[in-house]
């Protein structure tokens, strides 16, 4: 049961289907349920070579796959080309969260999303990344729009998945589905910085694969 009733969504440009880049099940759950409720045809595209280490990547991806199966939504599992990601962010290892490294990371992931969309007949792309309060939505939208502009007629849908109770439903869905509770953004450098912060506060390092939203 929704805590707040969702608005009826309309795909921009009068198009009928959407390719949605997903970073994980907790972030994409609300976007997926909202599009299903609005009877929008969409496909989930999972391309996140930034996620480190491999165990963390597999947990996030496999959980997203299972949720898509449960909802009968097509799921595209793209390559885990971490070497290309590390090459792309070389020299930005000490950038802060939401800094230039994150912009380059978003650009890389959305460029691949837009390419797949172009090759498979999608005219609209979007992403679940912006629903997280830890992300800069304007930074994400600018990267998405840059990627879409590579192809004539392609649109990046800048819908704010947080609004109208979206952020609250994101957590309710995560608890309901017992999703994995990630404790850092995803990349090796965010893991490093998060652990340094935790240690400075007298806390233990992150234990990958241990924390879930539905746990008591």
Protein backbone atom coordinates (compact mmCIF):
# COMPACT_ATOMS: atom_id res chain seq x y z
CA UNK A 1 0.00 0.00 0.00
CA UNK A 2 1.46 3.35 -1.02
CA UNK A 3 2.03 5.85 1.77
CA UNK A 4 1.40 8.69 -0.71
CA UNK A 5 -0.46 8.14 -3.97
CA UNK A 6 1.80 8.35 -7.00
CA UNK A 7 1.15 10.78 -9.80
CA UNK A 8 0.46 9.49 -13.29
CA UNK A 9 3.74 9.60 -15.19
CA UNK A 10 4.05 10.67 -18.81
CA UNK A 11 7.12 9.81 -20.86
CA UNK A 12 8.56 12.99 -22.43
CA UNK A 13 8.23 13.57 -26.16
CA UNK A 14 5.16 11.38 -26.41
CA UNK A 15 7.31 8.25 -26.50
CA UNK A 16 6.05 4.91 -25.22
CA UNK A 17 9.08 3.20 -23.74
CA UNK A 18 12.09 4.01 -21.59
CA UNK A 19 15.55 2.59 -20.96
CA UNK A 20 16.30 3.11 -17.28
CA UNK A 21 19.88 2.98 -16.04
CA UNK A 22 19.84 1.32 -12.61
CA UNK A 23 22.58 1.44 -9.99
CA UNK A 24 20.91 -1.00 -7.57
CA UNK A 25 17.59 -2.39 -6.40
CA UNK A 26 17.03 0.02 -3.47
CA UNK A 27 17.42 3.10 -5.69
CA UNK A 28 15.52 1.70 -8.66
CA UNK A 29 12.67 0.04 -6.76
CA UNK A 30 10.50 3.15 -6.51
CA UNK A 31 11.19 4.21 -10.11
CA UNK A 32 10.32 0.73 -11.34
CA UNK A 33 7.09 0.51 -9.36
CA UNK A 34 6.12 4.05 -10.41
CA UNK A 35 6.54 3.26 -14.10
CA UNK A 36 4.65 -0.02 -13.76
CA UNK A 37 1.81 1.86 -12.02
CA UNK A 38 1.74 4.33 -14.95
CA UNK A 39 1.78 1.45 -17.47
CA UNK A 40 5.06 2.61 -19.02
CA UNK A 41 7.02 0.07 -21.03
CA UNK A 42 10.60 0.08 -19.80
CA UNK A 43 13.79 -1.94 -19.58
CA UNK A 44 16.36 -1.88 -16.78
CA UNK A 45 19.96 -1.31 -17.91
CA UNK A 46 22.63 -2.26 -15.37
CA UNK A 47 26.03 -0.80 -16.20
CA UNK A 48 28.10 0.12 -13.15
CA UNK A 49 31.82 -0.63 -13.61
CA UNK A 50 32.55 1.72 -10.71
CA UNK A 51 31.23 -0.68 -8.04
CA UNK A 52 34.05 -2.22 -6.03
CA UNK A 53 34.93 -4.86 -4.94
CA UNK A 54 33.45 -7.59 -7.10
CA UNK A 55 31.49 -9.07 -4.19
CA UNK A 56 29.70 -5.76 -3.65
CA UNK A 57 29.00 -5.51 -7.39
CA UNK A 58 27.53 -9.00 -7.55
CA UNK A 59 25.29 -8.43 -4.52
CA UNK A 60 23.86 -5.22 -5.98
CA UNK A 61 23.45 -6.60 -9.49
CA UNK A 62 21.93 -9.95 -8.55
CA UNK A 63 19.43 -8.33 -6.20
CA UNK A 64 18.38 -5.99 -9.00
CA UNK A 65 18.01 -8.92 -11.38
CA UNK A 66 15.76 -10.78 -8.95
CA UNK A 67 13.54 -7.75 -8.35
CA UNK A 68 13.19 -7.19 -12.11
CA UNK A 69 12.22 -10.84 -12.53
CA UNK A 70 9.64 -10.49 -9.78
CA UNK A 71 8.12 -7.52 -11.63
CA UNK A 72 8.48 -9.17 -15.05
CA UNK A 73 10.66 -6.30 -16.32
CA UNK A 74 13.40 -6.89 -18.94
CA UNK A 75 16.90 -6.55 -17.48
CA UNK A 76 20.08 -5.86 -19.45
CA UNK A 77 23.28 -6.93 -17.71
CA UNK A 78 26.09 -4.88 -19.28
CA UNK A 79 29.82 -5.47 -19.00
CA UNK A 80 31.75 -5.01 -15.77
CA UNK A 81 34.68 -3.25 -17.46
CA UNK A 82 36.44 -1.97 -14.36
CA UNK A 83 39.74 -1.40 -16.17
CA UNK A 84 38.10 1.21 -18.39
CA UNK A 85 36.54 2.88 -15.36
CA UNK A 86 39.83 3.13 -13.45
CA UNK A 87 41.50 4.50 -16.60
CA UNK A 88 38.79 7.09 -17.01
CA UNK A 89 39.04 8.43 -13.44
CA UNK A 90 42.83 8.28 -13.27
CA UNK A 91 44.20 11.39 -11.56
CA UNK A 92 40.95 11.98 -9.67
CA UNK A 93 41.56 9.48 -6.89
CA UNK A 94 41.47 12.17 -4.18
CA UNK A 95 38.41 14.04 -5.48
CA UNK A 96 35.62 14.38 -2.90
CA UNK A 97 32.22 12.74 -3.23
CA UNK A 98 30.07 14.71 -5.74
CA UNK A 99 33.26 16.11 -7.27
CA UNK A 100 34.74 15.77 -10.75
CA UNK A 101 35.38 12.05 -10.39
CA UNK A 102 31.66 11.47 -9.89
CA UNK A 103 30.85 13.55 -12.98
CA UNK A 104 33.23 11.45 -15.07
CA UNK A 105 31.72 8.28 -13.59
CA UNK A 106 28.17 9.37 -14.43
CA UNK A 107 29.24 10.38 -17.93
CA UNK A 108 30.76 6.96 -18.58
CA UNK A 109 27.72 5.05 -17.38
CA UNK A 110 25.21 7.21 -19.21
CA UNK A 111 27.20 7.17 -22.45
CA UNK A 112 26.93 3.38 -22.49
CA UNK A 113 23.23 3.62 -21.62
CA UNK A 114 22.61 6.05 -24.47
CA UNK A 115 24.56 3.87 -26.91
CA UNK A 116 22.47 0.83 -26.01
CA UNK A 117 19.32 2.93 -26.35
CA UNK A 118 20.37 4.10 -29.80
CA UNK A 119 21.17 0.58 -30.94
CA UNK A 120 17.90 -0.90 -29.62
CA UNK A 121 15.26 1.67 -30.54
CA UNK A 122 14.85 3.60 -27.28
CA UNK A 123 14.38 7.36 -27.61
CA UNK A 124 14.18 8.09 -23.87
CA UNK A 125 16.68 7.21 -21.16
CA UNK A 126 16.59 7.93 -17.45
CA UNK A 127 18.30 6.78 -14.25
CA UNK A 128 17.48 5.81 -10.68
CA UNK A 129 20.69 7.45 -9.41
CA UNK A 130 19.00 10.75 -8.54
CA UNK A 131 16.61 9.31 -5.97
CA UNK A 132 19.40 9.05 -3.40
CA UNK A 133 19.71 12.04 -1.09
CA UNK A 134 23.48 11.51 -1.17
CA UNK A 135 23.60 12.41 -4.86
CA UNK A 136 23.59 15.82 -6.57
CA UNK A 137 20.58 15.61 -8.86
CA UNK A 138 21.73 18.49 -11.09
CA UNK A 139 25.10 16.80 -11.57
CA UNK A 140 23.36 13.57 -12.59
CA UNK A 141 20.92 15.29 -14.93
CA UNK A 142 23.68 17.21 -16.71
CA UNK A 143 25.56 13.97 -17.35
CA UNK A 144 22.40 12.30 -18.62
CA UNK A 145 21.60 15.16 -20.95
CA UNK A 146 25.16 15.20 -22.33
CA UNK A 147 24.90 11.49 -23.10
CA UNK A 148 21.51 11.86 -24.79
CA UNK A 149 22.75 14.72 -26.98
CA UNK A 150 25.15 12.33 -28.67
CA UNK A 151 22.20 10.95 -30.65
CA UNK A 152 19.64 12.92 -32.60
CA UNK A 153 16.17 12.83 -31.07
CA UNK A 154 17.23 11.13 -27.84
CA UNK A 155 15.90 12.50 -24.53
CA UNK A 156 17.23 12.15 -21.01
CA UNK A 157 14.19 12.15 -18.72
CA UNK A 158 15.06 14.35 -15.75
CA UNK A 159 12.10 13.24 -13.66
CA UNK A 160 12.64 13.83 -9.92
CA UNK A 161 12.03 10.38 -8.42
CA UNK A 162 12.33 11.85 -4.91
CA UNK A 163 9.23 14.02 -5.11
CA UNK A 164 5.68 13.16 -4.09
CA UNK A 165 6.86 10.75 -1.41
CA UNK A 166 9.28 8.91 -3.71
CA UNK A 167 12.17 8.98 -1.26
CA UNK A 168 9.96 7.63 1.52
CA UNK A 169 8.60 4.86 -0.71
CA UNK A 170 12.16 3.98 -1.70
CA UNK A 171 12.91 3.05 1.91
CA UNK A 172 9.56 1.32 2.42
CA UNK A 173 10.13 -0.84 -0.66
CA UNK A 174 13.67 -1.63 0.49
CA UNK A 175 12.38 -2.75 3.89
CA UNK A 176 9.54 -4.75 2.35
CA UNK A 177 11.89 -6.54 -0.05
CA UNK A 178 14.70 -6.89 2.51
CA UNK A 179 17.14 -5.24 0.10
CA UNK A 180 20.84 -5.05 0.82
CA UNK A 181 21.69 -1.81 2.65
CA UNK A 182 24.74 -0.31 0.99
CA UNK A 183 26.97 1.73 3.26
CA UNK A 184 28.99 3.62 0.62
CA UNK A 185 28.42 4.98 -2.86
CA UNK A 186 30.10 2.10 -4.64
CA UNK A 187 33.58 2.83 -5.95
CA UNK A 188 36.94 1.94 -4.40
CA UNK A 189 37.55 5.56 -3.43
CA UNK A 190 34.19 6.04 -1.73
CA UNK A 191 34.83 2.80 0.18
CA UNK A 192 38.24 4.13 1.21
CA UNK A 193 36.91 7.50 2.34
CA UNK A 194 33.88 6.03 4.13
CA UNK A 195 36.09 3.63 6.07
CA UNK A 196 38.50 6.43 6.99
CA UNK A 197 35.57 8.48 8.28
CA UNK A 198 34.20 5.55 10.27
CA UNK A 199 37.58 4.82 11.82
CA UNK A 200 37.95 8.49 12.78
CA UNK A 201 34.67 8.17 14.71
CA UNK A 202 35.73 4.98 16.45
CA UNK A 203 33.53 2.77 14.27
CA UNK A 204 34.38 -0.51 12.54
CA UNK A 205 35.11 -0.73 8.83
CA UNK A 206 32.26 -1.61 6.48
CA UNK A 207 31.46 -5.31 6.32
CA UNK A 208 30.30 -6.02 2.78
CA UNK A 209 27.17 -8.12 2.44
CA UNK A 210 26.14 -7.92 6.08
CA UNK A 211 23.46 -5.21 6.40
CA UNK A 212 19.88 -5.41 5.08
CA UNK A 213 16.95 -2.98 5.28
CA UNK A 214 14.51 -5.55 6.53
CA UNK A 215 16.68 -6.81 9.38
CA UNK A 216 15.45 -6.23 12.92
